[in-house]
PDB file of N, CA and C in Angstrom:
ATOM      1  N   MET A   1       0.850  -1.179   0.000  1.00  0.00           N
ATOM      2  CA  MET A   1       0.000   0.000   0.000  1.00  0.00           C
ATOM      3  C   MET A   1       0.898   1.246   0.000  1.00  0.00           C
ATOM      4  N   PRO A   2       0.627   2.214  -0.873  1.00  0.00           N
ATOM      5  CA  PRO A   2       1.461   3.415  -0.903  1.00  0.00           C
ATOM      6  C   PRO A   2       1.240   4.275   0.332  1.00  0.00           C
ATOM      7  N   THR A   3       2.279   4.980   0.699  1.00  0.00           N
ATOM      8  CA  THR A   3       2.147   5.910   1.819  1.00  0.00           C
ATOM      9  C   THR A   3       1.408   7.152   1.350  1.00  0.00           C
ATOM     10  N   CYS A   4       0.916   7.913   2.294  1.00  0.00           N
ATOM     11  CA  CYS A   4       0.213   9.149   1.961  1.00  0.00           C
ATOM     12  C   CYS A   4       1.150  10.110   1.234  1.00  0.00           C
ATOM     13  N   ALA A   5       2.377  10.235   1.716  1.00  0.00           N
ATOM     14  CA  ALA A   5       3.347  11.129   1.077  1.00  0.00           C
ATOM     15  C   ALA A   5       3.690  10.626  -0.325  1.00  0.00           C
ATOM     16  N   GLY A   6       3.835   9.327  -0.477  1.00  0.00           N
ATOM     17  CA  GLY A   6       4.140   8.760  -1.788  1.00  0.00           C
ATOM     18  C   GLY A   6       3.001   8.942  -2.767  1.00  0.00           C
ATOM     19  N   ALA A   7       1.782   8.783  -2.301  1.00  0.00           N
ATOM     20  CA  ALA A   7       0.621   8.972  -3.163  1.00  0.00           C
ATOM     21  C   ALA A   7       0.493  10.433  -3.578  1.00  0.00           C
ATOM     22  N   LEU A   8       0.753  11.339  -2.655  1.00  0.00           N
ATOM     23  CA  LEU A   8       0.700  12.763  -2.977  1.00  0.00           C
ATOM     24  C   LEU A   8       1.781  13.121  -3.990  1.00  0.00           C
ATOM     25  N   ALA A   9       2.961  12.578  -3.821  1.00  0.00           N
ATOM     26  CA  ALA A   9       4.048  12.828  -4.776  1.00  0.00           C
ATOM     27  C   ALA A   9       3.678  12.300  -6.160  1.00  0.00           C
ATOM     28  N   ALA A  10       3.031  11.157  -6.222  1.00  0.00           N
ATOM     29  CA  ALA A  10       2.608  10.599  -7.508  1.00  0.00           C
ATOM     30  C   ALA A  10       1.562  11.485  -8.173  1.00  0.00           C
ATOM     31  N   LEU A  11       0.628  12.031  -7.398  1.00  0.00           N
ATOM     32  CA  LEU A  11      -0.379  12.937  -7.951  1.00  0.00           C
ATOM     33  C   LEU A  11       0.258  14.203  -8.503  1.00  0.00           C
ATOM     34  N   VAL A  12       1.209  14.752  -7.777  1.00  0.00           N
ATOM     35  CA  VAL A  12       1.890  15.962  -8.238  1.00  0.00           C
ATOM     36  C   VAL A  12       2.682  15.672  -9.512  1.00  0.00           C
ATOM     37  N   ALA A  13       3.353  14.526  -9.557  1.00  0.00           N
ATOM     38  CA  ALA A  13       4.119  14.159 -10.748  1.00  0.00           C
ATOM     39  C   ALA A  13       3.206  13.967 -11.954  1.00  0.00           C
ATOM     40  N   ALA A  14       2.049  13.364 -11.739  1.00  0.00           N
ATOM     41  CA  ALA A  14       1.101  13.169 -12.839  1.00  0.00           C
ATOM     42  C   ALA A  14       0.583  14.506 -13.360  1.00  0.00           C
ATOM     43  N   GLU A  15       0.298  15.425 -12.452  1.00  0.00           N
ATOM     44  CA  GLU A  15      -0.176  16.751 -12.874  1.00  0.00           C
ATOM     45  C   GLU A  15       0.922  17.482 -13.646  1.00  0.00           C
ATOM     46  N   HIS A  16       2.141  17.378 -13.181  1.00  0.00           N
ATOM     47  CA  HIS A  16       3.261  18.026 -13.856  1.00  0.00           C
ATOM     48  C   HIS A  16       3.433  17.459 -15.268  1.00  0.00           C
ATOM     49  N   ALA A  17       3.341  16.151 -15.405  1.00  0.00           N
ATOM     50  CA  ALA A  17       3.465  15.518 -16.726  1.00  0.00           C
ATOM     51  C   ALA A  17       2.345  15.986 -17.653  1.00  0.00           C
ATOM     52  N   LEU A  18       1.150  16.093 -17.136  1.00  0.00           N
ATOM     53  CA  LEU A  18       0.023  16.557 -17.940  1.00  0.00           C
ATOM     54  C   LEU A  18       0.250  17.983 -18.430  1.00  0.00           C
ATOM     55  N   LEU A  19       0.748  18.838 -17.560  1.00  0.00           N
ATOM     56  CA  LEU A  19       1.024  20.218 -17.966  1.00  0.00           C
ATOM     57  C   LEU A  19       2.102  20.282 -19.037  1.00  0.00           C
ATOM     58  N   LEU A  20       3.114  19.440 -18.925  1.00  0.00           N
ATOM     59  CA  LEU A  20       4.169  19.414 -19.938  1.00  0.00           C
ATOM     60  C   LEU A  20       3.629  18.961 -21.286  1.00  0.00           C
ATOM     61  N   VAL A  21       2.815  17.921 -21.290  1.00  0.00           N
ATOM     62  CA  VAL A  21       2.238  17.424 -22.535  1.00  0.00           C
ATOM     63  C   VAL A  21       1.300  18.463 -23.138  1.00  0.00           C
ATOM     64  N   ALA A  22       0.479  19.073 -22.313  1.00  0.00           N
ATOM     65  CA  ALA A  22      -0.470  20.079 -22.806  1.00  0.00           C
ATOM     66  C   ALA A  22       0.255  21.269 -23.415  1.00  0.00           C
ATOM     67  N   SER A  23       1.443  21.557 -22.931  1.00  0.00           N
ATOM     68  CA  SER A  23       2.170  22.715 -23.449  1.00  0.00           C
ATOM     69  C   SER A  23       2.653  22.514 -24.882  1.00  0.00           C
ATOM     70  N   VAL A  24       2.753  21.274 -25.338  1.00  0.00           N
ATOM     71  CA  VAL A  24       3.238  21.030 -26.699  1.00  0.00           C
ATOM     72  C   VAL A  24       2.130  20.584 -27.655  1.00  0.00           C
ATOM     73  N   LEU A  25       0.972  20.238 -27.143  1.00  0.00           N
ATOM     74  CA  LEU A  25      -0.127  19.799 -27.998  1.00  0.00           C
ATOM     75  C   LEU A  25      -0.838  20.982 -28.637  1.00  0.00           C
ATOM     76  N   PRO A  26      -1.291  20.799 -29.869  1.00  0.00           N
ATOM     77  CA  PRO A  26      -2.157  21.839 -30.447  1.00  0.00           C
ATOM     78  C   PRO A  26      -3.408  21.975 -29.573  1.00  0.00           C
ATOM     79  N   GLU A  27      -3.770  23.175 -29.262  1.00  0.00           N
ATOM     80  CA  GLU A  27      -4.926  23.458 -28.408  1.00  0.00           C
ATOM     81  C   GLU A  27      -4.818  22.796 -27.034  1.00  0.00           C
ATOM     82  N   GLY A  28      -3.595  22.613 -26.572  1.00  0.00           N
ATOM     83  CA  GLY A  28      -3.375  21.955 -25.288  1.00  0.00           C
ATOM     84  C   GLY A  28      -4.000  22.699 -24.128  1.00  0.00           C
ATOM     85  N   ASP A  29      -3.927  24.044 -24.159  1.00  0.00           N
ATOM     86  CA  ASP A  29      -4.528  24.825 -23.071  1.00  0.00           C
ATOM     87  C   ASP A  29      -6.033  24.613 -23.004  1.00  0.00           C
ATOM     88  N   ARG A  30      -6.691  24.576 -24.154  1.00  0.00           N
ATOM     89  CA  ARG A  30      -8.139  24.358 -24.180  1.00  0.00           C
ATOM     90  C   ARG A  30      -8.474  22.972 -23.649  1.00  0.00           C
ATOM     91  N   ARG A  31      -7.720  21.988 -24.086  1.00  0.00           N
ATOM     92  CA  ARG A  31      -7.976  20.611 -23.629  1.00  0.00           C
ATOM     93  C   ARG A  31      -7.774  20.489 -22.125  1.00  0.00           C
ATOM     94  N   LEU A  32      -6.760  21.163 -21.626  1.00  0.00           N
ATOM     95  CA  LEU A  32      -6.499  21.129 -20.192  1.00  0.00           C
ATOM     96  C   LEU A  32      -7.644  21.781 -19.416  1.00  0.00           C
ATOM     97  N   ARG A  33      -8.139  22.922 -19.897  1.00  0.00           N
ATOM     98  CA  ARG A  33      -9.283  23.582 -19.237  1.00  0.00           C
ATOM     99  C   ARG A  33     -10.520  22.688 -19.250  1.00  0.00           C
ATOM    100  N   GLU A  34     -10.737  21.981 -20.360  1.00  0.00           N
ATOM    101  CA  GLU A  34     -11.905  21.105 -20.450  1.00  0.00           C
ATOM    102  C   GLU A  34     -11.783  19.915 -19.495  1.00  0.00           C
ATOM    103  N   ALA A  35     -10.571  19.449 -19.285  1.00  0.00           N
ATOM    104  CA  ALA A  35     -10.364  18.282 -18.422  1.00  0.00           C
ATOM    105  C   ALA A  35     -10.284  18.649 -16.945  1.00  0.00           C
ATOM    106  N   ALA A  36     -10.116  19.931 -16.629  1.00  0.00           N
ATOM    107  CA  ALA A  36      -9.904  20.359 -15.245  1.00  0.00           C
ATOM    108  C   ALA A  36     -10.996  19.903 -14.277  1.00  0.00           C
ATOM    109  N   PRO A  37     -12.290  20.033 -14.619  1.00  0.00           N
ATOM    110  CA  PRO A  37     -13.305  19.576 -13.658  1.00  0.00           C
ATOM    111  C   PRO A  37     -13.231  18.074 -13.372  1.00  0.00           C
ATOM    112  N   LEU A  38     -12.951  17.280 -14.388  1.00  0.00           N
ATOM    113  CA  LEU A  38     -12.821  15.836 -14.180  1.00  0.00           C
ATOM    114  C   LEU A  38     -11.589  15.521 -13.342  1.00  0.00           C
ATOM    115  N   ALA A  39     -10.498  16.227 -13.604  1.00  0.00           N
ATOM    116  CA  ALA A  39      -9.274  15.999 -12.845  1.00  0.00           C
ATOM    117  C   ALA A  39      -9.462  16.385 -11.382  1.00  0.00           C
ATOM    118  N   ALA A  40     -10.153  17.485 -11.137  1.00  0.00           N
ATOM    119  CA  ALA A  40     -10.399  17.918  -9.758  1.00  0.00           C
ATOM    120  C   ALA A  40     -11.253  16.896  -9.011  1.00  0.00           C
ATOM    121  N   ALA A  41     -12.268  16.379  -9.662  1.00  0.00           N
ATOM    122  CA  ALA A  41     -13.126  15.374  -9.019  1.00  0.00           C
ATOM    123  C   ALA A  41     -12.339  14.098  -8.735  1.00  0.00           C
ATOM    124  N   ALA A  42     -11.490  13.694  -9.665  1.00  0.00           N
ATOM    125  CA  ALA A  42     -10.682  12.492  -9.457  1.00  0.00           C
ATOM    126  C   ALA A  42      -9.691  12.695  -8.316  1.00  0.00           C
ATOM    127  N   ALA A  43      -9.079  13.879  -8.250  1.00  0.00           N
ATOM    128  CA  ALA A  43      -8.130  14.160  -7.170  1.00  0.00           C
ATOM    129  C   ALA A  43      -8.830  14.158  -5.814  1.00  0.00           C
ATOM    130  N   GLU A  44     -10.020  14.734  -5.752  1.00  0.00           N
ATOM    131  CA  GLU A  44     -10.773  14.733  -4.495  1.00  0.00           C
ATOM    132  C   GLU A  44     -11.093  13.309  -4.059  1.00  0.00           C
ATOM    133  N   ALA A  45     -11.460  12.458  -5.001  1.00  0.00           N
ATOM    134  CA  ALA A  45     -11.769  11.067  -4.673  1.00  0.00           C
ATOM    135  C   ALA A  45     -10.520  10.349  -4.166  1.00  0.00           C
ATOM    136  N   ARG A  46      -9.367  10.617  -4.776  1.00  0.00           N
ATOM    137  CA  ARG A  46      -8.127   9.983  -4.319  1.00  0.00           C
ATOM    138  C   ARG A  46      -7.747  10.466  -2.925  1.00  0.00           C
ATOM    139  N   ILE A  47      -7.919  11.750  -2.668  1.00  0.00           N
ATOM    140  CA  ILE A  47      -7.597  12.291  -1.350  1.00  0.00           C
ATOM    141  C   ILE A  47      -8.508  11.683  -0.291  1.00  0.00           C
ATOM    142  N   GLU A  48      -9.782  11.556  -0.603  1.00  0.00           N
ATOM    143  CA  GLU A  48     -10.706  10.919   0.337  1.00  0.00           C
ATOM    144  C   GLU A  48     -10.287   9.488   0.611  1.00  0.00           C
ATOM    145  N   GLY A  49      -9.829   8.798  -0.440  1.00  0.00           N
ATOM    146  CA  GLY A  49      -9.344   7.425  -0.265  1.00  0.00           C
ATOM    147  C   GLY A  49      -8.116   7.371   0.627  1.00  0.00           C
ATOM    148  N   LEU A  50      -7.228   8.354   0.501  1.00  0.00           N
ATOM    149  CA  LEU A  50      -6.052   8.390   1.362  1.00  0.00           C
ATOM    150  C   LEU A  50      -6.453   8.603   2.810  1.00  0.00           C
ATOM    151  N   HIS A  51      -7.426   9.469   3.037  1.00  0.00           N
ATOM    152  CA  HIS A  51      -7.884   9.721   4.407  1.00  0.00           C
ATOM    153  C   HIS A  51      -8.555   8.469   4.980  1.00  0.00           C
ATOM    154  N   ALA A  52      -9.282   7.742   4.162  1.00  0.00           N
ATOM    155  CA  ALA A  52      -9.973   6.554   4.623  1.00  0.00           C
ATOM    156  C   ALA A  52      -8.984   5.433   4.957  1.00  0.00           C
ATOM    157  N   ASP A  53      -7.860   5.402   4.217  1.00  0.00           N
ATOM    158  CA  ASP A  53      -6.866   4.346   4.430  1.00  0.00           C
ATOM    159  C   ASP A  53      -5.989   4.599   5.645  1.00  0.00           C
ATOM    160  N   GLY A  54      -5.975   5.808   6.097  1.00  0.00           N
ATOM    161  CA  GLY A  54      -5.181   5.937   7.268  1.00  0.00           C
ATOM    162  C   GLY A  54      -4.592   7.206   7.596  1.00  0.00           C
TER     163      GLY A  54
END
């Protein structure tokens, strides 16, 4: 089971990778804005899971 700190680091790394990819894609900024609500909901669910695990 991942630690809370490790899971948080993985989330930050994933967000950083997404921003890097979006910066080189055509219309990357628009795609990122469109995905933001889904990403926020997914992050909230993961954080709740971390709190539930310990």
